[in-house]
Amino acid sequence: MAVAPDWESYANGICAEIDFWAEKFGKIKIPTIFFGGGTPSLMPIDIFQSIMKRLGEKFDLSECDEVTLESNPGTINDDKLKDFIASGVNRLSIGVQSLDDSELQFLGRKHDVKTAIHLIEQAQKTGIRVSADFIYGLPNHTVKNIVSLCDEINRLGLHHASLYELTIEPNTPFGKMNLNMPTNDEMADMYLAVSDNLNLPRYEVSNYATPGEECKHNQNIWDGDAYIGLGNGAKGRIFMNNTWFEQSGGDIKFSEIDNKTRAIERLITGLRTMRGVLIDNDIKNVIDIDFINAHNDLVRVNNNRITATNKGLLILDDLLVDITK
């Protein structure tokens, strides 16, 4: 029998972390807020309101124009959605994963397609920004499946969608099932088919959006900006006393990161984006510029930014090894 979460203790813990960082940094401006990890849409509305209230008391939210809530279909009804919006949410990220009921069953999801579409459409009616996550590259998937998925996403009129490749790890239940998974070449064909069939331009390897509808929170992280992670399992990158720190939520731990490590992190995240990585002194110290100049078919420098070409994105993991000193 499932034990109900102790939401009051959860909120007290989050608020204590907010107080801690406010004492460290003062009333700094917060540009975006993202409620993710687990299923935050299960949170009672009064708990959400108490966290937002504390954030507003301790930080400057005057320029915070994006408050995202991750949600799973079936965990939030129409009235609760309206309550979240009234309490500050202006962007909903929905974990749809598939628009095929048999695939949802295979993935162990508790919702069906009808429930997912209802949540998308209800959220769209409210006028907030709506994004949905999908997974492709399932057993027996082909380009035909991707074309069909993209057609459905287009029909729904989404202005933001995230499409992730299914990764099977060894020694997991999926890993032990001897599944008929697509080959690397087939996965590459499916990846290219998304761009060819989705009515949204790619702005990051797995993310697509109408211009202006990109997730600002993720863009800031990919660009290498500082961010605070609150709650168990949350991670952050903070900048204090001219030094970068790796930060974890829940236990409020942080440890110093040297400039080279941080630059490589920025290179890894930034090269996944279409606008690439801004070249500063730290980035210059970790890249092999001779390799870049010799492989313009894979990676290029434009307007002081390094960007991977479409060909380079297909082999990004290997490219990152080659490009780094």
Protein backbone atom coordinates (compact mmCIF):
# COMPACT_ATOMS: atom_id res chain seq x y z
CA MET A 1 0.00 0.00 0.00
CA ALA A 2 1.43 3.36 -1.06
CA VAL A 3 2.20 5.84 1.67
CA ALA A 4 0.92 9.38 1.10
CA PRO A 5 3.73 11.94 0.77
CA ASP A 6 4.36 14.25 3.71
CA TRP A 7 3.79 17.39 1.68
CA GLU A 8 4.16 19.76 4.63
CA SER A 9 7.63 18.42 5.44
CA TYR A 10 8.51 18.62 1.75
CA ALA A 11 7.49 22.28 1.57
CA ASN A 12 9.34 23.10 4.79
CA GLY A 13 12.49 21.54 3.36
CA ILE A 14 12.24 23.46 0.10
CA CYS A 15 11.57 26.72 1.93
CA ALA A 16 14.56 26.12 4.20
CA GLU A 17 16.75 25.73 1.11
CA ILE A 18 15.32 28.94 -0.36
CA ASP A 19 16.19 30.75 2.88
CA PHE A 20 19.72 29.32 2.80
CA TRP A 21 20.47 30.54 -0.72
CA ALA A 22 18.79 33.90 -0.13
CA GLU A 23 21.14 34.41 2.79
CA LYS A 24 24.09 33.51 0.53
CA PHE A 25 23.13 35.64 -2.47
CA GLY A 26 20.67 38.24 -1.23
CA LYS A 27 17.53 39.17 -3.16
CA ILE A 28 18.89 38.23 -6.59
CA LYS A 29 16.80 38.31 -9.77
CA ILE A 30 15.43 34.91 -10.80
CA PRO A 31 14.66 34.76 -14.55
CA THR A 32 12.94 31.35 -14.66
CA ILE A 33 11.51 28.71 -12.32
CA PHE A 34 11.13 25.04 -13.24
CA PHE A 35 9.19 22.52 -11.13
CA GLY A 36 10.42 19.16 -12.41
CA GLY A 37 11.64 15.75 -11.33
CA GLY A 38 9.14 13.15 -10.22
CA THR A 39 5.61 14.41 -10.81
CA PRO A 40 5.22 17.89 -9.28
CA SER A 41 1.67 18.14 -10.63
CA LEU A 42 0.71 15.76 -7.79
CA MET A 43 1.60 18.53 -5.35
CA PRO A 44 -1.38 19.99 -3.43
CA ILE A 45 -2.02 23.53 -4.61
CA ASP A 46 -1.51 25.04 -1.15
CA ILE A 47 1.97 23.46 -1.01
CA PHE A 48 2.82 24.92 -4.41
CA GLN A 49 1.53 28.32 -3.31
CA SER A 50 3.62 28.27 -0.14
CA ILE A 51 6.80 27.58 -2.16
CA MET A 52 6.01 30.31 -4.69
CA LYS A 53 5.27 32.73 -1.84
CA ARG A 54 8.63 32.05 -0.21
CA LEU A 55 10.44 32.43 -3.55
CA GLY A 56 8.75 35.80 -4.03
CA GLU A 57 9.70 36.93 -0.53
CA LYS A 58 13.36 35.94 -0.75
CA PHE A 59 14.18 36.59 -4.40
CA ASP A 60 13.34 39.22 -7.01
CA LEU A 61 10.81 37.70 -9.40
CA SER A 62 9.97 40.96 -11.18
CA GLU A 63 11.62 39.72 -14.38
CA CYS A 64 10.71 36.05 -14.00
CA ASP A 65 8.58 35.40 -17.08
CA GLU A 66 8.67 31.59 -17.19
CA VAL A 67 7.33 29.26 -14.48
CA THR A 68 7.21 25.70 -15.80
CA LEU A 69 5.41 22.77 -14.17
CA GLU A 70 6.15 19.23 -15.32
CA SER A 71 3.09 16.99 -15.29
CA ASN A 72 1.93 13.53 -16.24
CA PRO A 73 -1.51 12.94 -17.77
CA GLY A 74 -3.93 11.66 -15.15
CA THR A 75 -2.24 13.52 -12.28
CA ILE A 76 -3.92 16.88 -12.80
CA ASN A 77 -7.57 17.64 -13.59
CA ASP A 78 -9.00 20.75 -15.22
CA ASP A 79 -9.71 22.57 -11.94
CA LYS A 80 -6.28 21.87 -10.48
CA LEU A 81 -4.66 23.05 -13.71
CA LYS A 82 -6.51 26.35 -13.35
CA ASP A 83 -5.36 26.61 -9.73
CA PHE A 84 -1.71 26.11 -10.74
CA ILE A 85 -2.06 28.79 -13.42
CA ALA A 86 -3.68 31.20 -10.96
CA SER A 87 -0.73 30.56 -8.62
CA GLY A 88 1.92 31.46 -11.16
CA VAL A 89 2.44 28.60 -13.65
CA ASN A 90 2.60 29.90 -17.23
CA ARG A 91 4.18 26.90 -18.94
CA LEU A 92 3.13 23.23 -18.71
CA SER A 93 5.47 20.40 -19.75
CA ILE A 94 3.50 17.18 -20.24
CA GLY A 95 5.09 13.72 -20.17
CA VAL A 96 3.03 12.18 -22.99
CA GLN A 97 5.78 9.78 -24.23
CA SER A 98 3.63 8.16 -26.93
CA LEU A 99 0.36 8.61 -28.82
CA ASP A 100 -0.14 4.85 -29.07
CA ASP A 101 -1.81 3.00 -26.18
CA SER A 102 0.13 -0.22 -26.68
CA GLU A 103 3.42 1.72 -26.57
CA LEU A 104 2.33 3.48 -23.38
CA GLN A 105 1.67 0.07 -21.82
CA PHE A 106 5.10 -1.15 -22.90
CA LEU A 107 6.71 1.95 -21.35
CA GLY A 108 4.84 1.33 -18.09
CA ARG A 109 2.85 4.55 -18.24
CA LYS A 110 -0.36 4.77 -16.25
CA HIS A 111 -2.24 7.05 -18.66
CA ASP A 112 -3.76 6.42 -22.08
CA VAL A 113 -3.69 8.53 -25.23
CA LYS A 114 -7.14 10.01 -24.65
CA THR A 115 -6.12 11.33 -21.21
CA ALA A 116 -2.91 12.83 -22.60
CA ILE A 117 -4.66 14.60 -25.46
CA HIS A 118 -7.31 15.95 -23.10
CA LEU A 119 -4.66 17.53 -20.87
CA ILE A 120 -2.85 19.06 -23.88
CA GLU A 121 -6.07 20.54 -25.25
CA GLN A 122 -7.29 21.85 -21.88
CA ALA A 123 -3.94 23.50 -21.23
CA GLN A 124 -3.93 25.06 -24.70
CA LYS A 125 -7.39 26.53 -24.05
CA THR A 126 -6.08 28.40 -21.01
CA GLY A 127 -3.57 30.29 -23.15
CA ILE A 128 -0.44 29.19 -21.27
CA ARG A 129 2.58 27.78 -23.09
CA VAL A 130 2.37 24.01 -23.54
CA SER A 131 5.11 21.49 -24.27
CA ALA A 132 4.95 17.71 -24.54
CA ASP A 133 7.62 15.00 -24.27
CA PHE A 134 7.73 11.96 -26.54
CA ILE A 135 9.98 8.90 -26.86
CA TYR A 136 10.95 7.24 -30.14
CA GLY A 137 13.20 4.39 -31.16
CA LEU A 138 11.06 1.75 -29.44
CA PRO A 139 11.33 -1.92 -30.46
CA ASN A 140 10.39 -2.36 -34.14
CA HIS A 141 10.14 1.40 -34.70
CA THR A 142 10.85 2.62 -38.22
CA VAL A 143 10.81 5.98 -39.98
CA LYS A 144 7.13 5.34 -40.72
CA ASN A 145 6.38 5.43 -36.98
CA ILE A 146 8.21 8.75 -36.66
CA VAL A 147 6.33 10.31 -39.58
CA SER A 148 3.04 9.23 -37.99
CA LEU A 149 4.07 10.63 -34.59
CA CYS A 150 5.10 13.95 -36.13
CA ASP A 151 1.81 14.18 -38.02
CA GLU A 152 -0.09 13.72 -34.75
CA ILE A 153 2.02 16.34 -32.95
CA ASN A 154 1.41 18.76 -35.82
CA ARG A 155 -2.32 18.09 -35.62
CA LEU A 156 -2.31 18.92 -31.91
CA GLY A 157 -0.87 22.35 -32.71
CA LEU A 158 1.93 22.16 -30.15
CA HIS A 159 4.43 25.03 -30.20
CA HIS A 160 7.06 23.04 -28.27
CA ALA A 161 7.87 19.34 -28.26
CA SER A 162 10.73 17.23 -26.94
CA LEU A 163 11.50 13.96 -28.73
CA TYR A 164 13.96 11.68 -26.98
CA GLU A 165 15.54 8.45 -28.20
CA LEU A 166 14.78 5.43 -26.02
CA THR A 167 17.98 4.24 -24.40
CA ILE A 168 18.13 0.66 -23.14
CA GLU A 169 20.61 0.19 -20.28
CA PRO A 170 22.14 -3.25 -19.53
CA ASN A 171 20.84 -5.11 -16.47
CA THR A 172 17.52 -3.27 -16.51
CA PRO A 173 14.16 -5.00 -17.13
CA PHE A 174 14.20 -3.75 -20.74
CA GLY A 175 17.84 -4.71 -21.10
CA LYS A 176 17.07 -8.32 -20.19
CA MET A 177 14.16 -8.68 -22.64
CA ASN A 178 16.14 -9.28 -25.86
CA LEU A 179 14.11 -6.61 -27.65
CA ASN A 180 14.28 -5.99 -31.39
CA MET A 181 15.75 -2.50 -31.14
CA PRO A 182 16.48 -0.24 -34.15
CA THR A 183 20.08 -0.15 -35.35
CA ASN A 184 22.20 3.00 -35.05
CA ASP A 185 21.64 3.74 -38.73
CA GLU A 186 17.90 3.32 -38.33
CA MET A 187 17.95 5.63 -35.30
CA ALA A 188 19.85 8.23 -37.36
CA ASP A 189 17.21 8.00 -40.09
CA MET A 190 14.44 8.49 -37.50
CA TYR A 191 16.29 11.48 -36.01
CA LEU A 192 16.47 13.12 -39.44
CA ALA A 193 12.82 12.25 -40.13
CA VAL A 194 11.74 14.32 -37.13
CA SER A 195 13.19 17.50 -38.66
CA ASP A 196 11.70 16.63 -42.03
CA ASN A 197 8.16 16.06 -40.74
CA LEU A 198 7.65 18.11 -37.58
CA ASN A 199 6.28 21.62 -38.10
CA LEU A 200 8.69 22.94 -35.48
CA PRO A 201 12.35 23.85 -35.99
CA ARG A 202 14.95 22.07 -33.87
CA TYR A 203 16.74 24.33 -31.39
CA GLU A 204 18.46 21.57 -29.41
CA VAL A 205 19.20 17.95 -30.26
CA SER A 206 15.93 16.71 -28.73
CA ASN A 207 13.88 19.92 -28.53
CA TYR A 208 11.76 21.67 -31.15
CA ALA A 209 9.82 24.92 -30.91
CA THR A 210 8.17 27.74 -32.78
CA PRO A 211 10.65 30.66 -32.63
CA GLY A 212 10.05 32.46 -29.34
CA GLU A 213 8.51 29.38 -27.70
CA GLU A 214 11.79 27.75 -26.62
CA CYS A 215 12.17 26.75 -22.97
CA LYS A 216 14.10 29.72 -21.54
CA HIS A 217 15.03 27.82 -18.39
CA ASN A 218 16.78 25.06 -20.32
CA GLN A 219 18.35 27.54 -22.73
CA ASN A 220 19.94 29.40 -19.81
CA ILE A 221 21.36 26.14 -18.44
CA TRP A 222 22.66 25.03 -21.86
CA ASP A 223 24.28 28.46 -22.27
CA GLY A 224 26.19 27.95 -19.02
CA ASP A 225 24.28 30.31 -16.73
CA ALA A 226 24.15 29.66 -13.00
CA TYR A 227 21.10 27.89 -11.53
CA ILE A 228 20.04 26.58 -8.11
CA GLY A 229 18.59 23.08 -7.63
CA LEU A 230 16.12 22.73 -4.75
CA GLY A 231 14.87 19.43 -3.29
CA ASN A 232 16.21 15.88 -3.07
CA GLY A 233 18.00 14.83 -6.23
CA ALA A 234 18.10 18.34 -7.70
CA LYS A 235 21.41 19.58 -9.08
CA GLY A 236 22.67 23.09 -9.69
CA ARG A 237 25.65 25.09 -10.83
CA ILE A 238 26.30 28.17 -8.72
CA PHE A 239 28.84 30.96 -9.05
CA MET A 240 30.22 32.49 -5.85
CA ASN A 241 33.37 34.48 -5.15
CA ASN A 242 34.41 34.17 -8.80
CA THR A 243 34.28 30.37 -8.51
CA TRP A 244 31.93 27.71 -9.93
CA PHE A 245 30.41 25.09 -7.63
CA GLU A 246 28.48 21.88 -8.23
CA GLN A 247 25.44 22.07 -5.97
CA SER A 248 22.89 19.49 -4.84
CA GLY A 249 19.48 20.08 -3.34
CA GLY A 250 18.03 18.42 -0.28
CA ASP A 251 21.25 18.23 1.69
CA ILE A 252 22.52 21.67 0.55
CA LYS A 253 25.98 20.48 -0.47
CA PHE A 254 28.26 22.24 -2.91
CA SER A 255 31.78 21.54 -4.09
CA GLU A 256 34.17 23.60 -6.19
CA ILE A 257 34.51 22.93 -9.92
CA ASP A 258 37.66 24.04 -11.71
CA ASN A 259 37.31 26.27 -14.77
CA LYS A 260 38.33 23.51 -17.19
CA THR A 261 35.65 21.12 -15.91
CA ARG A 262 33.01 23.83 -16.10
CA ALA A 263 34.09 24.81 -19.62
CA ILE A 264 33.80 21.20 -20.79
CA GLU A 265 30.32 21.00 -19.26
CA ARG A 266 29.34 24.12 -21.19
CA LEU A 267 30.80 22.64 -24.36
CA ILE A 268 28.81 19.40 -23.90
CA THR A 269 25.48 21.17 -23.32
CA GLY A 270 26.04 24.06 -25.71
CA LEU A 271 27.00 21.94 -28.72
CA ARG A 272 23.63 20.18 -28.40
CA THR A 273 21.96 23.49 -29.29
CA MET A 274 21.59 25.09 -32.69
CA ARG A 275 23.08 28.37 -31.47
CA GLY A 276 26.12 26.58 -30.11
CA VAL A 277 28.71 27.62 -27.53
CA LEU A 278 29.96 31.14 -26.94
CA ILE A 279 33.75 31.17 -27.17
CA ASP A 280 35.35 32.83 -24.14
CA ASN A 281 38.80 32.29 -22.65
CA ASP A 282 37.73 29.19 -20.70
CA ILE A 283 36.28 27.58 -23.84
CA LYS A 284 39.39 28.50 -25.84
CA ASN A 285 41.48 26.60 -23.29
CA VAL A 286 39.61 23.31 -23.79
CA ILE A 287 38.97 23.16 -27.56
CA ASP A 288 41.21 21.89 -30.33
CA ILE A 289 40.85 24.74 -32.81
CA ASP A 290 42.98 22.94 -35.39
CA PHE A 291 40.52 20.03 -35.42
CA ILE A 292 37.61 22.46 -35.82
CA ASN A 293 39.25 24.27 -38.73
CA ALA A 294 40.02 20.95 -40.43
CA HIS A 295 36.49 19.53 -40.02
CA ASN A 296 34.06 22.23 -41.08
CA ASP A 297 31.72 19.51 -42.27
CA LEU A 298 31.20 18.57 -38.60
CA VAL A 299 31.73 21.73 -36.57
CA ARG A 300 32.09 25.42 -37.37
CA VAL A 301 32.85 28.78 -35.79
CA ASN A 302 30.42 31.61 -36.62
CA ASN A 303 30.02 34.94 -34.80
CA ASN A 304 32.30 33.74 -31.98
CA ARG A 305 30.18 30.62 -31.40
CA ILE A 306 31.00 26.98 -32.04
CA THR A 307 28.16 25.04 -33.64
CA ALA A 308 27.85 21.44 -34.78
CA THR A 309 26.57 20.86 -38.30
CA ASN A 310 23.69 18.47 -38.97
CA LYS A 311 26.29 15.82 -39.80
CA GLY A 312 28.17 16.59 -36.60
CA LEU A 313 25.03 16.28 -34.47
CA LEU A 314 24.61 12.69 -35.64
CA ILE A 315 27.97 11.77 -34.10
CA LEU A 316 27.98 14.32 -31.28
CA ASP A 317 29.43 12.04 -28.58
CA ASP A 318 32.44 11.19 -30.73
CA LEU A 319 32.75 14.78 -31.90
CA LEU A 320 32.96 16.05 -28.32
CA VAL A 321 35.90 13.70 -27.69
CA ASP A 322 37.68 14.95 -30.81
CA ILE A 323 37.04 18.63 -30.20
CA THR A 324 38.25 18.64 -26.58
CA LYS A 325 41.93 18.98 -25.69
